[in-house]
Amino acid sequence: MKDLKFEQKRSLSRHEAADQLESLAAALRQGEDAELELGPGKLSLRIPDDLRSEIEVEVSSDGIELEIEFKWPTAPAAQAAPSKAAAATEKPAVRRKSAPAVPSRKPVKRSARKSSSPA
């Protein structure tokens, strides 16, 4: 069960859609306790500094669907532990072995020859 769900479906002009995205952008820039204007009402959200995002574009014979999704935990950032999904999608740090400062050389075997020097 979800604690709260708000869903709004309506037809918009391209300019109204842009206005809605600008309202969302302003709320994201404001952060903390932001108010998002959605049609006739306002939605108050607590938005942290770090978010997870997902953008999905689906093209079918029915049309094109563009989904923009932002996720963040409901707990304060100091208390929130990273989710398993977030940890799984983050790339691990790549560690490389450093090259030795001086390339190692194999010892060269030389045969000992006695030189015959005239005495």
C-alpha atoms as a PDB file:
ATOM      1  CA  MET A   1       0.000   0.000   0.000  1.00  0.00           C
ATOM      2  CA  LYS A   2       1.285   3.454  -0.885  1.00  0.00           C
ATOM      3  CA  ASP A   3       1.184   6.267   1.649  1.00  0.00           C
ATOM      4  CA  LEU A   4       0.000   8.809  -0.918  1.00  0.00           C
ATOM      5  CA  LYS A   5      -0.608   8.842  -4.635  1.00  0.00           C
ATOM      6  CA  PHE A   6      -1.481  11.822  -6.777  1.00  0.00           C
ATOM      7  CA  GLU A   7      -2.309  11.246 -10.419  1.00  0.00           C
ATOM      8  CA  GLN A   8      -3.593  13.709 -12.959  1.00  0.00           C
ATOM      9  CA  LYS A   9      -4.520  12.945 -16.553  1.00  0.00           C
ATOM     10  CA  ARG A  10      -5.721  15.665 -18.880  1.00  0.00           C
ATOM     11  CA  SER A  11      -5.221  17.038 -22.357  1.00  0.00           C
ATOM     12  CA  LEU A  12      -2.777  19.929 -22.650  1.00  0.00           C
ATOM     13  CA  SER A  13      -1.569  22.227 -25.356  1.00  0.00           C
ATOM     14  CA  ARG A  14       2.163  22.187 -26.033  1.00  0.00           C
ATOM     15  CA  HIS A  15       2.471  25.532 -24.201  1.00  0.00           C
ATOM     16  CA  GLU A  16       0.548  24.216 -21.170  1.00  0.00           C
ATOM     17  CA  ALA A  17       2.857  21.183 -21.072  1.00  0.00           C
ATOM     18  CA  ALA A  18       5.869  23.533 -21.155  1.00  0.00           C
ATOM     19  CA  ASP A  19       4.352  25.572 -18.309  1.00  0.00           C
ATOM     20  CA  GLN A  20       3.886  22.399 -16.267  1.00  0.00           C
ATOM     21  CA  LEU A  21       7.512  21.382 -16.855  1.00  0.00           C
ATOM     22  CA  GLU A  22       8.705  24.890 -15.928  1.00  0.00           C
ATOM     23  CA  SER A  23       6.718  24.668 -12.705  1.00  0.00           C
ATOM     24  CA  LEU A  24       8.362  21.322 -11.949  1.00  0.00           C
ATOM     25  CA  ALA A  25      11.814  22.749 -12.785  1.00  0.00           C
ATOM     26  CA  ALA A  26      11.221  25.702 -10.442  1.00  0.00           C
ATOM     27  CA  ALA A  27      10.183  23.343  -7.634  1.00  0.00           C
ATOM     28  CA  LEU A  28      13.302  21.218  -8.205  1.00  0.00           C
ATOM     29  CA  ARG A  29      15.544  24.305  -8.146  1.00  0.00           C
ATOM     30  CA  GLN A  30      13.885  25.538  -4.957  1.00  0.00           C
ATOM     31  CA  GLY A  31      14.320  22.181  -3.224  1.00  0.00           C
ATOM     32  CA  GLU A  32      13.429  21.554   0.400  1.00  0.00           C
ATOM     33  CA  ASP A  33       9.716  22.384   0.812  1.00  0.00           C
ATOM     34  CA  ALA A  34       8.694  23.214  -2.753  1.00  0.00           C
ATOM     35  CA  GLU A  35       5.264  23.921  -4.136  1.00  0.00           C
ATOM     36  CA  LEU A  36       4.358  22.543  -7.536  1.00  0.00           C
ATOM     37  CA  GLU A  37       1.432  24.102  -9.351  1.00  0.00           C
ATOM     38  CA  LEU A  38      -0.619  21.437 -11.096  1.00  0.00           C
ATOM     39  CA  GLY A  39      -3.715  22.766 -12.761  1.00  0.00           C
ATOM     40  CA  PRO A  40      -6.086  24.316 -10.239  1.00  0.00           C
ATOM     41  CA  GLY A  41      -4.164  23.177  -7.147  1.00  0.00           C
ATOM     42  CA  LYS A  42      -0.707  23.102  -5.590  1.00  0.00           C
ATOM     43  CA  LEU A  43       1.280  20.114  -4.420  1.00  0.00           C
ATOM     44  CA  SER A  44       3.811  20.642  -1.624  1.00  0.00           C
ATOM     45  CA  LEU A  45       6.850  18.370  -1.727  1.00  0.00           C
ATOM     46  CA  ARG A  46      10.011  18.017   0.309  1.00  0.00           C
ATOM     47  CA  ILE A  47      12.719  17.623  -2.346  1.00  0.00           C
ATOM     48  CA  PRO A  48      16.270  16.605  -1.314  1.00  0.00           C
ATOM     49  CA  ASP A  49      19.448  17.677  -3.105  1.00  0.00           C
ATOM     50  CA  ASP A  50      20.055  14.255  -4.675  1.00  0.00           C
ATOM     51  CA  LEU A  51      17.478  12.431  -6.795  1.00  0.00           C
ATOM     52  CA  ARG A  52      17.315   9.356  -9.016  1.00  0.00           C
ATOM     53  CA  SER A  53      15.894   9.874 -12.476  1.00  0.00           C
ATOM     54  CA  GLU A  54      14.526   7.699 -15.227  1.00  0.00           C
ATOM     55  CA  ILE A  55      13.568   8.804 -18.712  1.00  0.00           C
ATOM     56  CA  GLU A  56      11.673   6.399 -20.938  1.00  0.00           C
ATOM     57  CA  VAL A  57      10.555   6.874 -24.529  1.00  0.00           C
ATOM     58  CA  GLU A  58       8.238   4.318 -26.078  1.00  0.00           C
ATOM     59  CA  VAL A  59       7.252   4.437 -29.739  1.00  0.00           C
ATOM     60  CA  SER A  60       4.389   2.254 -30.910  1.00  0.00           C
ATOM     61  CA  SER A  61       1.725   2.289 -33.596  1.00  0.00           C
ATOM     62  CA  ASP A  62      -0.548   4.133 -31.103  1.00  0.00           C
ATOM     63  CA  GLY A  63       1.876   7.028 -30.648  1.00  0.00           C
ATOM     64  CA  ILE A  64       4.863   8.177 -28.634  1.00  0.00           C
ATOM     65  CA  GLU A  65       5.025   8.058 -24.851  1.00  0.00           C
ATOM     66  CA  LEU A  66       7.606  10.051 -22.896  1.00  0.00           C
ATOM     67  CA  GLU A  67       7.937   9.379 -19.178  1.00  0.00           C
ATOM     68  CA  ILE A  68      10.149  11.436 -16.885  1.00  0.00           C
ATOM     69  CA  GLU A  69      10.411  10.039 -13.379  1.00  0.00           C
ATOM     70  CA  PHE A  70      12.229  11.344 -10.313  1.00  0.00           C
ATOM     71  CA  LYS A  71      12.635   9.268  -7.142  1.00  0.00           C
ATOM     72  CA  TRP A  72      13.921  10.070  -3.679  1.00  0.00           C
ATOM     73  CA  PRO A  73      13.489   8.569  -0.221  1.00  0.00           C
ATOM     74  CA  THR A  74      10.905   9.939   2.182  1.00  0.00           C
ATOM     75  CA  ALA A  75      13.380   9.794   5.090  1.00  0.00           C
ATOM     76  CA  PRO A  76      15.840  12.651   5.635  1.00  0.00           C
ATOM     77  CA  ALA A  77      19.098  12.172   3.708  1.00  0.00           C
ATOM     78  CA  ALA A  78      21.191  11.698   6.868  1.00  0.00           C
ATOM     79  CA  GLN A  79      19.048   8.747   7.956  1.00  0.00           C
ATOM     80  CA  ALA A  80      18.250   7.220   4.579  1.00  0.00           C
ATOM     81  CA  ALA A  81      20.317   4.220   3.564  1.00  0.00           C
ATOM     82  CA  PRO A  82      21.018   3.706  -0.143  1.00  0.00           C
ATOM     83  CA  SER A  83      18.446   1.454  -1.760  1.00  0.00           C
ATOM     84  CA  LYS A  84      19.429  -1.929  -3.190  1.00  0.00           C
ATOM     85  CA  ALA A  85      18.306  -0.791  -6.634  1.00  0.00           C
ATOM     86  CA  ALA A  86      20.463   2.324  -6.448  1.00  0.00           C
ATOM     87  CA  ALA A  87      23.470   0.343  -5.299  1.00  0.00           C
ATOM     88  CA  ALA A  88      22.977  -2.184  -8.099  1.00  0.00           C
ATOM     89  CA  THR A  89      22.856   0.455 -10.825  1.00  0.00           C
ATOM     90  CA  GLU A  90      25.844   2.455  -9.652  1.00  0.00           C
ATOM     91  CA  LYS A  91      29.085   1.601 -11.373  1.00  0.00           C
ATOM     92  CA  PRO A  92      31.835   0.351  -9.081  1.00  0.00           C
ATOM     93  CA  ALA A  93      35.069   2.259  -9.025  1.00  0.00           C
ATOM     94  CA  VAL A  94      37.607   0.829 -11.409  1.00  0.00           C
ATOM     95  CA  ARG A  95      40.934   0.100  -9.787  1.00  0.00           C
ATOM     96  CA  ARG A  96      43.947  -0.276 -11.977  1.00  0.00           C
ATOM     97  CA  LYS A  97      47.276  -1.668 -11.020  1.00  0.00           C
ATOM     98  CA  SER A  98      49.885   0.981 -11.250  1.00  0.00           C
ATOM     99  CA  ALA A  99      52.811   0.307 -13.516  1.00  0.00           C
ATOM    100  CA  PRO A 100      56.152  -0.091 -11.787  1.00  0.00           C
ATOM    101  CA  ALA A 101      58.263   3.038 -11.827  1.00  0.00           C
ATOM    102  CA  VAL A 102      61.146   1.161 -13.463  1.00  0.00           C
ATOM    103  CA  PRO A 103      60.329  -1.665 -15.826  1.00  0.00           C
ATOM    104  CA  SER A 104      61.678  -4.927 -14.560  1.00  0.00           C
ATOM    105  CA  ARG A 105      64.298  -6.578 -16.709  1.00  0.00           C
ATOM    106  CA  LYS A 106      65.277 -10.174 -16.779  1.00  0.00           C
ATOM    107  CA  PRO A 107      68.921 -10.714 -15.953  1.00  0.00           C
ATOM    108  CA  VAL A 108      70.957 -11.413 -19.042  1.00  0.00           C
ATOM    109  CA  LYS A 109      73.220 -14.422 -18.772  1.00  0.00           C
ATOM    110  CA  ARG A 110      76.593 -13.868 -20.294  1.00  0.00           C
ATOM    111  CA  SER A 111      79.134 -16.519 -20.772  1.00  0.00           C
ATOM    112  CA  ALA A 112      82.435 -15.857 -19.136  1.00  0.00           C
ATOM    113  CA  ARG A 113      85.194 -15.859 -21.719  1.00  0.00           C
ATOM    114  CA  LYS A 114      88.793 -15.677 -20.963  1.00  0.00           C
ATOM    115  CA  SER A 115      90.457 -13.204 -23.140  1.00  0.00           C
ATOM    116  CA  SER A 116      93.868 -14.111 -24.267  1.00  0.00           C
ATOM    117  CA  SER A 117      95.884 -11.030 -23.995  1.00  0.00           C
ATOM    118  CA  PRO A 118      99.486 -11.077 -25.076  1.00  0.00           C
ATOM    119  CA  ALA A 119     101.865 -10.828 -22.209  1.00  0.00           C
END
